[in-house]
């Protein structure tokens, strides 16, 4: 696993992507924000945590990529995904229920 960190960037259409610390695009700006705050217009991408990032594509499906842009969980594999502060884990929703998903099986 690379030790690179990703920085979220937004393009003119409001989509988000990620660049590495040298400014090189790793994940193109084609993803929707997944974090929304209350009834305001504030929406943000998920932060890169422990070398992974949760994304939402234009059709609303969630996926996970690593810091080199490799897809670990493909779009639509789970109903929803959310970042977790536990290393190598994400929150995943399936059949309306949430649980902690260990990414070790996908590495």
N, C-alpha and C. Protein backbone atom coordinates (compact mmCIF):
# COMPACT_ATOMS: atom_id res chain seq x y z
N UNK A 1 0.85 -1.18 0.00
CA UNK A 1 0.00 0.00 0.00
C UNK A 1 0.89 1.23 0.00
N UNK A 2 0.57 2.18 -0.84
CA UNK A 2 1.30 3.44 -0.91
C UNK A 2 1.08 4.26 0.35
N UNK A 3 2.06 5.08 0.68
CA UNK A 3 1.90 5.97 1.84
C UNK A 3 1.41 7.34 1.41
N UNK A 4 1.05 7.50 0.13
CA UNK A 4 0.53 8.78 -0.36
C UNK A 4 -0.75 9.14 0.37
N UNK A 5 -1.00 10.42 0.44
CA UNK A 5 -2.26 10.94 0.99
C UNK A 5 -3.01 11.60 -0.16
N UNK A 6 -4.32 11.56 -0.09
CA UNK A 6 -5.14 12.18 -1.12
C UNK A 6 -5.76 13.47 -0.61
N UNK A 7 -5.89 14.41 -1.52
CA UNK A 7 -6.49 15.71 -1.23
C UNK A 7 -7.70 15.86 -2.14
N UNK A 8 -8.87 16.12 -1.57
CA UNK A 8 -10.09 16.29 -2.36
C UNK A 8 -10.05 17.61 -3.12
N UNK A 9 -10.46 17.56 -4.38
CA UNK A 9 -10.55 18.76 -5.21
C UNK A 9 -11.90 18.75 -5.92
N UNK A 10 -12.42 19.95 -6.17
CA UNK A 10 -13.72 20.08 -6.81
C UNK A 10 -13.54 20.79 -8.14
N UNK A 11 -14.25 20.32 -9.18
CA UNK A 11 -14.18 21.00 -10.47
C UNK A 11 -15.32 22.00 -10.58
N UNK A 12 -15.42 22.67 -11.70
CA UNK A 12 -16.42 23.71 -11.92
C UNK A 12 -17.85 23.21 -11.95
N UNK A 13 -18.07 21.92 -12.15
CA UNK A 13 -19.43 21.38 -12.20
C UNK A 13 -19.90 20.89 -10.84
N UNK A 14 -19.05 21.00 -9.82
CA UNK A 14 -19.42 20.57 -8.48
C UNK A 14 -19.04 19.14 -8.15
N UNK A 15 -18.44 18.44 -9.11
CA UNK A 15 -18.00 17.07 -8.85
C UNK A 15 -16.66 17.08 -8.13
N UNK A 16 -16.39 15.98 -7.43
CA UNK A 16 -15.17 15.86 -6.63
C UNK A 16 -14.28 14.75 -7.15
N UNK A 17 -12.98 14.95 -6.94
CA UNK A 17 -11.97 13.95 -7.24
C UNK A 17 -10.85 14.13 -6.24
N UNK A 18 -9.74 13.45 -6.45
CA UNK A 18 -8.63 13.49 -5.49
C UNK A 18 -7.30 13.58 -6.23
N UNK A 19 -6.40 14.38 -5.68
CA UNK A 19 -5.03 14.46 -6.17
C UNK A 19 -4.11 13.99 -5.06
N UNK A 20 -2.90 13.57 -5.46
CA UNK A 20 -1.94 13.18 -4.42
C UNK A 20 -1.17 14.41 -3.96
N UNK A 21 -0.20 14.22 -3.09
CA UNK A 21 0.51 15.35 -2.48
C UNK A 21 1.33 16.15 -3.49
N UNK A 22 1.61 15.58 -4.67
CA UNK A 22 2.34 16.32 -5.70
C UNK A 22 1.41 17.02 -6.68
N UNK A 23 0.08 16.87 -6.48
CA UNK A 23 -0.91 17.52 -7.34
C UNK A 23 -1.34 16.67 -8.52
N UNK A 24 -0.85 15.45 -8.62
CA UNK A 24 -1.23 14.55 -9.70
C UNK A 24 -2.62 13.98 -9.45
N UNK A 25 -3.48 14.04 -10.46
CA UNK A 25 -4.83 13.51 -10.33
C UNK A 25 -4.76 11.98 -10.20
N UNK A 26 -5.34 11.48 -9.12
CA UNK A 26 -5.39 10.04 -8.87
C UNK A 26 -6.79 9.50 -9.13
N UNK A 27 -7.78 10.24 -8.68
CA UNK A 27 -9.19 9.89 -8.89
C UNK A 27 -9.84 11.09 -9.58
N UNK A 28 -10.34 10.92 -10.81
CA UNK A 28 -10.89 12.05 -11.57
C UNK A 28 -12.08 12.71 -10.89
N UNK A 29 -12.30 13.97 -11.20
CA UNK A 29 -13.41 14.75 -10.64
C UNK A 29 -14.72 14.36 -11.32
N UNK A 30 -15.23 13.19 -10.93
CA UNK A 30 -16.49 12.71 -11.50
C UNK A 30 -17.41 12.12 -10.45
N UNK A 31 -17.16 12.47 -9.18
CA UNK A 31 -17.92 11.89 -8.09
C UNK A 31 -18.71 12.94 -7.32
N UNK A 32 -19.85 12.51 -6.78
CA UNK A 32 -20.74 13.39 -6.02
C UNK A 32 -20.27 13.47 -4.56
N UNK A 33 -20.60 14.56 -3.88
CA UNK A 33 -20.30 14.63 -2.45
C UNK A 33 -21.17 13.64 -1.68
N UNK A 34 -20.62 13.09 -0.57
CA UNK A 34 -21.42 12.14 0.20
C UNK A 34 -21.75 12.65 1.59
N UNK A 35 -21.12 13.72 2.01
CA UNK A 35 -21.38 14.27 3.34
C UNK A 35 -22.21 15.54 3.19
N UNK A 36 -23.38 15.55 3.81
CA UNK A 36 -24.29 16.69 3.72
C UNK A 36 -24.62 17.16 5.13
N UNK A 37 -24.65 18.45 5.32
CA UNK A 37 -24.87 18.99 6.66
C UNK A 37 -26.24 19.65 6.78
N UNK A 38 -27.13 18.97 7.52
CA UNK A 38 -28.45 19.51 7.81
C UNK A 38 -29.22 19.91 6.57
N UNK A 39 -29.92 21.01 6.69
CA UNK A 39 -30.74 21.51 5.58
C UNK A 39 -30.02 22.61 4.82
N UNK A 40 -28.70 22.65 4.93
CA UNK A 40 -27.94 23.68 4.25
C UNK A 40 -27.48 23.18 2.89
N UNK A 41 -26.84 24.05 2.16
CA UNK A 41 -26.30 23.71 0.85
C UNK A 41 -24.89 23.12 0.96
N UNK A 42 -24.40 22.85 2.16
CA UNK A 42 -23.04 22.37 2.34
C UNK A 42 -22.94 20.88 2.09
N UNK A 43 -22.13 20.50 1.14
CA UNK A 43 -21.89 19.10 0.80
C UNK A 43 -20.41 18.92 0.54
N UNK A 44 -19.87 17.80 1.01
CA UNK A 44 -18.43 17.56 0.91
C UNK A 44 -18.15 16.12 0.50
N UNK A 45 -16.95 15.89 -0.04
CA UNK A 45 -16.56 14.50 -0.31
C UNK A 45 -16.12 13.84 0.99
N UNK A 46 -16.02 12.54 0.97
CA UNK A 46 -15.49 11.82 2.13
C UNK A 46 -13.99 12.06 2.21
N UNK A 47 -13.45 12.16 3.40
CA UNK A 47 -12.00 12.30 3.53
C UNK A 47 -11.31 10.97 3.24
N UNK A 48 -10.06 11.05 2.82
CA UNK A 48 -9.25 9.84 2.67
C UNK A 48 -8.81 9.44 4.07
N UNK A 49 -9.13 8.23 4.47
CA UNK A 49 -8.76 7.72 5.79
C UNK A 49 -8.02 6.40 5.61
N UNK A 50 -6.86 6.29 6.20
CA UNK A 50 -6.09 5.04 6.20
C UNK A 50 -5.79 4.52 4.80
N UNK A 51 -5.72 5.43 3.82
CA UNK A 51 -5.36 5.02 2.46
C UNK A 51 -6.53 4.67 1.56
N UNK A 52 -7.76 4.97 2.00
CA UNK A 52 -8.95 4.63 1.22
C UNK A 52 -9.93 5.80 1.23
N UNK A 53 -10.81 5.83 0.22
CA UNK A 53 -11.82 6.88 0.16
C UNK A 53 -13.13 6.28 -0.36
N UNK A 54 -14.25 6.70 0.25
CA UNK A 54 -15.58 6.31 -0.20
C UNK A 54 -16.03 7.33 -1.23
N UNK A 55 -16.57 6.85 -2.34
CA UNK A 55 -17.04 7.73 -3.42
C UNK A 55 -18.48 7.40 -3.75
N UNK A 56 -19.15 8.37 -4.37
CA UNK A 56 -20.51 8.14 -4.88
C UNK A 56 -20.51 8.59 -6.33
N UNK A 57 -20.85 7.66 -7.24
CA UNK A 57 -20.83 8.02 -8.66
C UNK A 57 -22.09 8.81 -9.04
N UNK A 58 -22.15 9.21 -10.29
CA UNK A 58 -23.26 10.06 -10.77
C UNK A 58 -24.62 9.37 -10.66
N UNK A 59 -24.64 8.04 -10.67
CA UNK A 59 -25.92 7.33 -10.56
C UNK A 59 -26.32 7.10 -9.10
N UNK A 60 -25.47 7.57 -8.15
CA UNK A 60 -25.78 7.46 -6.73
C UNK A 60 -25.25 6.20 -6.07
N UNK A 61 -24.49 5.39 -6.80
CA UNK A 61 -23.94 4.16 -6.23
C UNK A 61 -22.60 4.46 -5.56
N UNK A 62 -22.34 3.75 -4.47
CA UNK A 62 -21.13 3.95 -3.67
C UNK A 62 -20.06 2.94 -4.04
N UNK A 63 -18.79 3.36 -3.91
CA UNK A 63 -17.65 2.51 -4.17
C UNK A 63 -16.48 2.96 -3.30
N UNK A 64 -15.42 2.16 -3.24
CA UNK A 64 -14.22 2.50 -2.48
C UNK A 64 -13.00 2.34 -3.37
N UNK A 65 -12.13 3.36 -3.33
CA UNK A 65 -10.85 3.30 -4.04
C UNK A 65 -9.72 3.54 -3.05
N UNK A 66 -8.53 3.11 -3.45
CA UNK A 66 -7.37 3.36 -2.59
C UNK A 66 -6.60 4.58 -3.10
N UNK A 67 -5.46 4.90 -2.48
CA UNK A 67 -4.73 6.13 -2.80
C UNK A 67 -4.02 6.10 -4.14
N UNK A 68 -4.02 4.97 -4.83
CA UNK A 68 -3.47 4.93 -6.18
C UNK A 68 -4.57 4.82 -7.23
N UNK A 69 -5.85 4.89 -6.78
CA UNK A 69 -6.98 4.88 -7.69
C UNK A 69 -7.55 3.51 -8.00
N UNK A 70 -7.04 2.46 -7.35
CA UNK A 70 -7.55 1.11 -7.57
C UNK A 70 -8.89 0.94 -6.87
N UNK A 71 -9.88 0.40 -7.59
CA UNK A 71 -11.20 0.14 -7.02
C UNK A 71 -11.14 -1.12 -6.17
N UNK A 72 -11.52 -0.98 -4.90
CA UNK A 72 -11.55 -2.12 -3.98
C UNK A 72 -12.96 -2.67 -3.81
N UNK A 73 -13.94 -1.78 -3.76
CA UNK A 73 -15.35 -2.17 -3.71
C UNK A 73 -16.02 -1.48 -4.89
N UNK A 74 -16.56 -2.26 -5.80
CA UNK A 74 -17.13 -1.69 -7.02
C UNK A 74 -18.48 -1.01 -6.75
N UNK A 75 -18.84 -0.10 -7.62
CA UNK A 75 -20.09 0.65 -7.50
C UNK A 75 -21.28 -0.30 -7.47
N UNK A 76 -22.17 -0.09 -6.50
CA UNK A 76 -23.38 -0.87 -6.40
C UNK A 76 -23.24 -2.17 -5.63
N UNK A 77 -22.05 -2.51 -5.19
CA UNK A 77 -21.87 -3.75 -4.43
C UNK A 77 -22.60 -3.69 -3.09
N UNK A 78 -22.70 -2.48 -2.52
CA UNK A 78 -23.45 -2.25 -1.28
C UNK A 78 -24.40 -1.08 -1.51
N UNK A 79 -25.50 -1.04 -0.77
CA UNK A 79 -26.48 0.03 -0.92
C UNK A 79 -25.86 1.39 -0.63
N UNK A 80 -25.14 1.48 0.49
CA UNK A 80 -24.45 2.71 0.88
C UNK A 80 -23.15 2.34 1.58
N UNK A 81 -22.20 3.24 1.53
CA UNK A 81 -20.93 3.09 2.24
C UNK A 81 -20.62 4.41 2.92
N UNK A 82 -19.92 4.35 4.03
CA UNK A 82 -19.51 5.56 4.75
C UNK A 82 -18.16 5.29 5.40
N UNK A 83 -17.33 6.34 5.53
CA UNK A 83 -16.03 6.14 6.16
C UNK A 83 -16.15 5.77 7.64
N UNK A 84 -15.13 5.10 8.13
CA UNK A 84 -15.06 4.72 9.54
C UNK A 84 -13.71 5.15 10.08
N UNK A 85 -13.65 5.45 11.36
CA UNK A 85 -12.38 5.81 11.98
C UNK A 85 -11.58 4.58 12.41
N UNK A 86 -12.14 3.42 12.20
CA UNK A 86 -11.41 2.18 12.49
C UNK A 86 -10.62 1.79 11.24
N UNK A 87 -9.34 1.56 11.39
CA UNK A 87 -8.46 1.29 10.26
C UNK A 87 -8.94 0.10 9.44
N UNK A 88 -8.89 0.27 8.11
CA UNK A 88 -9.28 -0.75 7.13
C UNK A 88 -10.76 -1.14 7.20
N UNK A 89 -11.60 -0.30 7.78
CA UNK A 89 -13.04 -0.61 7.88
C UNK A 89 -13.88 0.53 7.32
N UNK A 90 -15.05 0.16 6.83
CA UNK A 90 -16.05 1.11 6.36
C UNK A 90 -17.40 0.66 6.85
N UNK A 91 -18.29 1.62 7.02
CA UNK A 91 -19.68 1.30 7.30
C UNK A 91 -20.32 0.93 5.98
N UNK A 92 -21.09 -0.14 5.98
CA UNK A 92 -21.76 -0.59 4.77
C UNK A 92 -23.22 -0.89 5.07
N UNK A 93 -24.09 -0.50 4.15
CA UNK A 93 -25.51 -0.80 4.30
C UNK A 93 -25.90 -1.84 3.25
N UNK A 94 -26.57 -2.89 3.71
CA UNK A 94 -27.08 -3.94 2.83
C UNK A 94 -28.42 -4.40 3.38
N UNK A 95 -29.41 -4.50 2.53
CA UNK A 95 -30.78 -4.86 2.93
C UNK A 95 -31.30 -3.95 4.03
N UNK A 96 -30.92 -2.67 3.95
CA UNK A 96 -31.39 -1.67 4.90
C UNK A 96 -30.69 -1.66 6.24
N UNK A 97 -29.75 -2.58 6.46
CA UNK A 97 -29.06 -2.67 7.75
C UNK A 97 -27.60 -2.27 7.59
N UNK A 98 -27.07 -1.59 8.63
CA UNK A 98 -25.69 -1.12 8.62
C UNK A 98 -24.79 -2.05 9.44
N UNK A 99 -23.57 -2.19 8.97
CA UNK A 99 -22.57 -2.96 9.70
C UNK A 99 -21.18 -2.48 9.31
N UNK A 100 -20.21 -2.87 10.09
CA UNK A 100 -18.83 -2.50 9.83
C UNK A 100 -18.21 -3.53 8.90
N UNK A 101 -17.67 -3.07 7.79
CA UNK A 101 -17.08 -3.93 6.78
C UNK A 101 -15.56 -3.85 6.87
N UNK A 102 -14.89 -4.97 7.03
CA UNK A 102 -13.44 -5.04 7.09
C UNK A 102 -12.89 -5.16 5.68
N UNK A 103 -12.09 -4.18 5.27
CA UNK A 103 -11.55 -4.17 3.91
C UNK A 103 -10.42 -5.17 3.70
N UNK A 104 -9.95 -5.82 4.74
CA UNK A 104 -8.84 -6.77 4.61
C UNK A 104 -9.14 -7.83 3.54
N UNK A 105 -10.39 -8.22 3.43
CA UNK A 105 -10.78 -9.23 2.45
C UNK A 105 -10.66 -8.72 1.01
N UNK A 106 -10.63 -7.38 0.83
CA UNK A 106 -10.58 -6.79 -0.50
C UNK A 106 -9.17 -6.38 -0.91
N UNK A 107 -8.22 -6.47 0.00
CA UNK A 107 -6.86 -6.02 -0.27
C UNK A 107 -6.03 -7.09 -0.95
